[in-house]
Amino acid sequence: MSDVNTPFPVLVTGASRGLGAALAEEVARQGRHVIAVARTSGALEELDDRIKALGGSATLAPMDVTVADAMAHLAASVAGRWGGLSGWLHTAIHAAPLSPAGHIDARDMQKSIEINISATATLIGLIEPLLRAGAGGAAFFDDPRGGEKFFGAYGATKAAQIALARSWQAETVKVGPRVAILAPRPMPTATRARFFPGEDRAALADCRDEAARLWPETGI
């Protein structure tokens, strides 16, 4: 685990809400500077307010992870300002609507591929040198829906994302960066609400509690 006094920040992709936002707050609570990436500026500004209330600091990056040039610019900016990263928490995801496999909307499938698989692959290539420079680690968050009925688009692309992360984990086990693949408990996120409308949300784990539980497991 990196020293809390490390000069290198932690990057959180998909930081605007849900587990990503809770993890960004937890990073700040641990005394780390957060680089928060998401498409929604308003949600990032609200996150920044909460981080400041904790006595922490954040750099907001309202960007789309599917835009390769924007992600390359982000990586270059991080390298120029800090020289590396102490961690990367990847929570960006597209949750396509539930649908029978034979009726998946082509646009939803393409968006799922772009966000859940292609963007992840691009980010790994860009962020790996920054993590090595900062002696850092990465964490991915599994949601094993592959093969479940009506989860064709989400389940297949989320499974592919985690398979990609596992390959990276196996490739870097001796040379770094460290790669953790963690399993969050069910939480009352917007993504889950789309999948399970009408569910008793009181029985689900609080996002902040999960972030606090998962943070030590990241090894960052």
Protein backbone atom coordinates (compact mmCIF):
# COMPACT_ATOMS: atom_id res chain seq x y z
CA MET A 1 0.00 0.00 0.00
CA SER A 2 1.30 3.45 -0.90
CA ASP A 3 2.31 5.88 1.84
CA VAL A 4 -0.48 8.30 2.72
CA ASN A 5 2.06 11.08 2.20
CA THR A 6 2.61 10.14 -1.44
CA PRO A 7 2.67 13.15 -3.76
CA PHE A 8 0.77 11.18 -6.38
CA PRO A 9 -3.04 11.48 -6.64
CA VAL A 10 -5.70 8.82 -7.10
CA LEU A 11 -7.74 8.82 -10.31
CA VAL A 12 -11.41 7.83 -10.10
CA THR A 13 -13.20 7.26 -13.41
CA GLY A 14 -16.98 7.30 -13.18
CA ALA A 15 -16.84 9.54 -10.12
CA SER A 16 -20.09 11.47 -10.45
CA ARG A 17 -22.40 9.16 -8.49
CA GLY A 18 -22.88 5.79 -6.84
CA LEU A 19 -19.84 3.78 -5.84
CA GLY A 20 -17.49 6.00 -7.86
CA ALA A 21 -18.51 9.13 -5.95
CA ALA A 22 -18.35 7.29 -2.63
CA LEU A 23 -14.87 6.00 -3.44
CA ALA A 24 -13.72 9.50 -4.39
CA GLU A 25 -14.92 10.74 -1.00
CA GLU A 26 -13.17 7.84 0.75
CA VAL A 27 -9.91 8.62 -1.06
CA ALA A 28 -10.18 12.22 0.15
CA ARG A 29 -10.96 10.99 3.66
CA GLN A 30 -7.69 9.05 3.54
CA GLY A 31 -5.79 12.27 2.85
CA ARG A 32 -5.22 11.67 -0.87
CA HIS A 33 -5.79 14.14 -3.67
CA VAL A 34 -8.55 12.93 -6.02
CA ILE A 35 -8.76 13.33 -9.78
CA ALA A 36 -12.46 12.82 -10.46
CA VAL A 37 -13.53 11.97 -14.02
CA ALA A 38 -17.15 11.89 -15.21
CA ARG A 39 -19.27 13.42 -17.94
CA THR A 40 -21.61 15.33 -15.62
CA SER A 41 -20.12 18.65 -14.49
CA GLY A 42 -22.86 19.40 -11.97
CA ALA A 43 -22.44 16.09 -10.17
CA LEU A 44 -18.67 16.57 -10.08
CA GLU A 45 -19.10 20.01 -8.54
CA GLU A 46 -21.36 18.53 -5.86
CA LEU A 47 -18.72 15.85 -5.23
CA ASP A 48 -16.08 18.57 -4.91
CA ASP A 49 -18.20 20.33 -2.28
CA ARG A 50 -18.44 17.11 -0.25
CA ILE A 51 -14.72 16.48 -0.55
CA LYS A 52 -13.92 20.00 0.61
CA ALA A 53 -16.28 19.50 3.57
CA LEU A 54 -14.11 16.51 4.50
CA GLY A 55 -11.02 18.70 4.36
CA GLY A 56 -9.85 17.04 1.17
CA SER A 57 -8.97 18.26 -2.30
CA ALA A 58 -9.93 17.24 -5.81
CA THR A 59 -9.23 18.04 -9.43
CA LEU A 60 -12.37 17.78 -11.53
CA ALA A 61 -12.13 16.40 -15.06
CA PRO A 62 -15.53 16.58 -16.81
CA MET A 63 -14.63 14.23 -19.65
CA ASP A 64 -16.06 11.30 -21.58
CA VAL A 65 -13.94 8.17 -21.12
CA THR A 66 -14.88 7.00 -24.61
CA VAL A 67 -13.07 9.94 -26.24
CA ALA A 68 -9.55 8.60 -26.69
CA ASP A 69 -7.99 12.00 -27.41
CA ALA A 70 -9.49 13.43 -24.23
CA MET A 71 -8.15 10.54 -22.17
CA ALA A 72 -4.71 10.94 -23.75
CA HIS A 73 -4.81 14.64 -22.84
CA LEU A 74 -5.79 13.74 -19.28
CA ALA A 75 -2.92 11.26 -18.96
CA ALA A 76 -0.45 13.79 -20.34
CA SER A 77 -1.75 16.44 -17.93
CA VAL A 78 -1.36 14.09 -14.97
CA ALA A 79 2.16 13.22 -16.05
CA GLY A 80 3.06 16.87 -16.46
CA ARG A 81 1.61 18.03 -13.14
CA TRP A 82 2.24 15.10 -10.78
CA GLY A 83 4.48 12.68 -12.64
CA GLY A 84 2.37 9.65 -11.81
CA LEU A 85 -0.59 8.17 -9.96
CA SER A 86 -0.81 6.29 -6.68
CA GLY A 87 -4.04 4.66 -7.75
CA TRP A 88 -6.81 4.26 -10.30
CA LEU A 89 -10.35 3.23 -9.35
CA HIS A 90 -12.41 2.41 -12.44
CA THR A 91 -16.17 2.52 -11.93
CA ALA A 92 -17.31 4.00 -15.26
CA ILE A 93 -19.97 1.75 -16.76
CA HIS A 94 -22.90 1.76 -19.16
CA ALA A 95 -25.92 -0.19 -17.98
CA ALA A 96 -27.96 -0.94 -21.07
CA PRO A 97 -31.68 -1.60 -20.52
CA LEU A 98 -32.65 -5.18 -19.83
CA SER A 99 -33.70 -6.95 -23.00
CA PRO A 100 -34.02 -10.44 -24.47
CA ALA A 101 -30.86 -11.30 -26.36
CA GLY A 102 -32.72 -11.30 -29.64
CA HIS A 103 -34.01 -7.76 -29.11
CA ILE A 104 -30.94 -5.84 -27.89
CA ASP A 105 -30.93 -2.33 -29.33
CA ALA A 106 -27.91 -1.89 -31.60
CA ARG A 107 -27.13 1.56 -30.22
CA ASP A 108 -27.23 0.30 -26.63
CA MET A 109 -24.94 -2.57 -27.54
CA GLN A 110 -22.47 -0.27 -29.25
CA LYS A 111 -22.47 2.12 -26.30
CA SER A 112 -21.91 -0.81 -23.93
CA ILE A 113 -18.92 -1.94 -25.98
CA GLU A 114 -17.47 1.57 -26.17
CA ILE A 115 -17.74 2.36 -22.45
CA ASN A 116 -17.36 -1.02 -20.81
CA ILE A 117 -14.69 -2.55 -23.04
CA SER A 118 -13.00 -0.16 -25.48
CA ALA A 119 -12.60 2.73 -23.04
CA THR A 120 -11.22 0.36 -20.41
CA ALA A 121 -8.62 -0.95 -22.85
CA THR A 122 -7.62 2.58 -23.84
CA LEU A 123 -7.34 3.71 -20.24
CA ILE A 124 -5.20 0.73 -19.22
CA GLY A 125 -2.66 1.63 -21.89
CA LEU A 126 -2.60 5.29 -20.89
CA ILE A 127 -2.63 4.83 -17.12
CA GLU A 128 -0.21 1.91 -16.72
CA PRO A 129 2.91 4.12 -17.09
CA LEU A 130 1.49 6.63 -14.58
CA LEU A 131 0.85 3.88 -12.02
CA ARG A 132 4.35 2.51 -12.47
CA ALA A 133 5.80 5.97 -12.00
CA GLY A 134 3.79 6.42 -8.80
CA ALA A 135 4.24 2.85 -7.52
CA GLY A 136 0.46 2.68 -7.61
CA GLY A 137 -2.29 0.17 -8.18
CA ALA A 138 -5.61 -0.14 -9.96
CA ALA A 139 -8.96 -1.55 -8.88
CA PHE A 140 -11.94 -2.81 -10.88
CA PHE A 141 -15.35 -3.71 -9.51
CA ASP A 142 -17.09 -6.87 -10.66
CA ASP A 143 -20.82 -7.39 -11.19
CA PRO A 144 -21.14 -10.92 -12.57
CA ARG A 145 -24.29 -10.84 -14.70
CA GLY A 146 -22.90 -12.69 -17.68
CA GLY A 147 -25.33 -15.37 -18.83
CA GLU A 148 -28.28 -14.11 -16.80
CA LYS A 149 -31.52 -13.71 -18.72
CA PHE A 150 -32.15 -10.21 -20.10
CA PHE A 151 -28.65 -9.04 -19.11
CA GLY A 152 -27.13 -9.78 -22.53
CA ALA A 153 -25.63 -6.35 -23.35
CA TYR A 154 -24.58 -5.40 -19.82
CA GLY A 155 -23.59 -8.87 -18.69
CA ALA A 156 -21.46 -9.64 -21.73
CA THR A 157 -19.62 -6.33 -21.82
CA LYS A 158 -19.10 -6.15 -18.05
CA ALA A 159 -17.71 -9.70 -18.14
CA ALA A 160 -15.40 -8.68 -20.97
CA GLN A 161 -14.21 -5.66 -18.97
CA ILE A 162 -13.35 -7.86 -15.99
CA ALA A 163 -11.68 -10.44 -18.26
CA LEU A 164 -9.50 -7.65 -19.63
CA ALA A 165 -8.65 -6.55 -16.09
CA ARG A 166 -7.77 -10.12 -15.12
CA SER A 167 -5.41 -10.40 -18.07
CA TRP A 168 -3.72 -7.15 -17.02
CA GLN A 169 -3.55 -8.43 -13.45
CA ALA A 170 -1.83 -11.65 -14.55
CA GLU A 171 0.59 -9.80 -16.81
CA THR A 172 1.71 -7.33 -14.15
CA VAL A 173 1.81 -9.50 -11.03
CA LYS A 174 5.65 -9.45 -10.98
CA VAL A 175 6.37 -6.07 -12.55
CA GLY A 176 3.43 -3.92 -11.46
CA PRO A 177 1.21 -2.08 -11.31
CA ARG A 178 -0.89 -4.01 -8.79
CA VAL A 179 -4.39 -4.77 -10.07
CA ALA A 180 -7.26 -5.67 -7.73
CA ILE A 181 -10.65 -6.99 -8.82
CA LEU A 182 -13.19 -6.49 -6.07
CA ALA A 183 -16.80 -7.54 -5.49
CA PRO A 184 -19.06 -4.81 -4.09
CA ARG A 185 -22.22 -5.78 -2.26
CA PRO A 186 -25.54 -4.75 -3.87
CA MET A 187 -26.03 -1.00 -3.39
CA PRO A 188 -28.93 1.40 -4.07
CA THR A 189 -27.34 2.92 -7.16
CA ALA A 190 -29.07 4.33 -10.21
CA THR A 191 -27.70 1.41 -12.23
CA ARG A 192 -29.26 -1.16 -9.92
CA ALA A 193 -32.55 0.75 -9.84
CA ARG A 194 -32.77 0.41 -13.63
CA PHE A 195 -32.30 -3.35 -13.33
CA PHE A 196 -34.50 -3.95 -10.28
CA PRO A 197 -37.25 -1.32 -10.08
CA GLY A 198 -39.40 -1.63 -7.01
CA GLU A 199 -36.71 -3.45 -5.03
CA ASP A 200 -36.56 -2.84 -1.27
CA ARG A 201 -33.56 -0.49 -1.26
CA ALA A 202 -33.41 -0.44 2.54
CA ALA A 203 -31.89 -3.93 2.41
CA LEU A 204 -28.98 -2.78 0.21
CA ALA A 205 -25.52 -1.70 1.37
CA ASP A 206 -24.85 2.04 1.63
CA CYS A 207 -22.41 3.23 -1.05
CA ARG A 208 -20.21 5.05 1.47
CA ASP A 209 -20.08 1.99 3.72
CA GLU A 210 -19.05 -0.13 0.75
CA ALA A 211 -16.39 2.38 -0.28
CA ALA A 212 -14.93 2.29 3.23
CA ARG A 213 -14.99 -1.52 3.20
CA LEU A 214 -13.45 -1.86 -0.24
CA TRP A 215 -10.76 0.82 0.07
CA PRO A 216 -8.29 -1.33 2.08
CA GLU A 217 -8.78 -4.16 -0.41
CA THR A 218 -7.60 -1.97 -3.30
CA GLY A 219 -4.06 -2.00 -1.92
CA ILE A 220 -3.65 1.61 -3.00
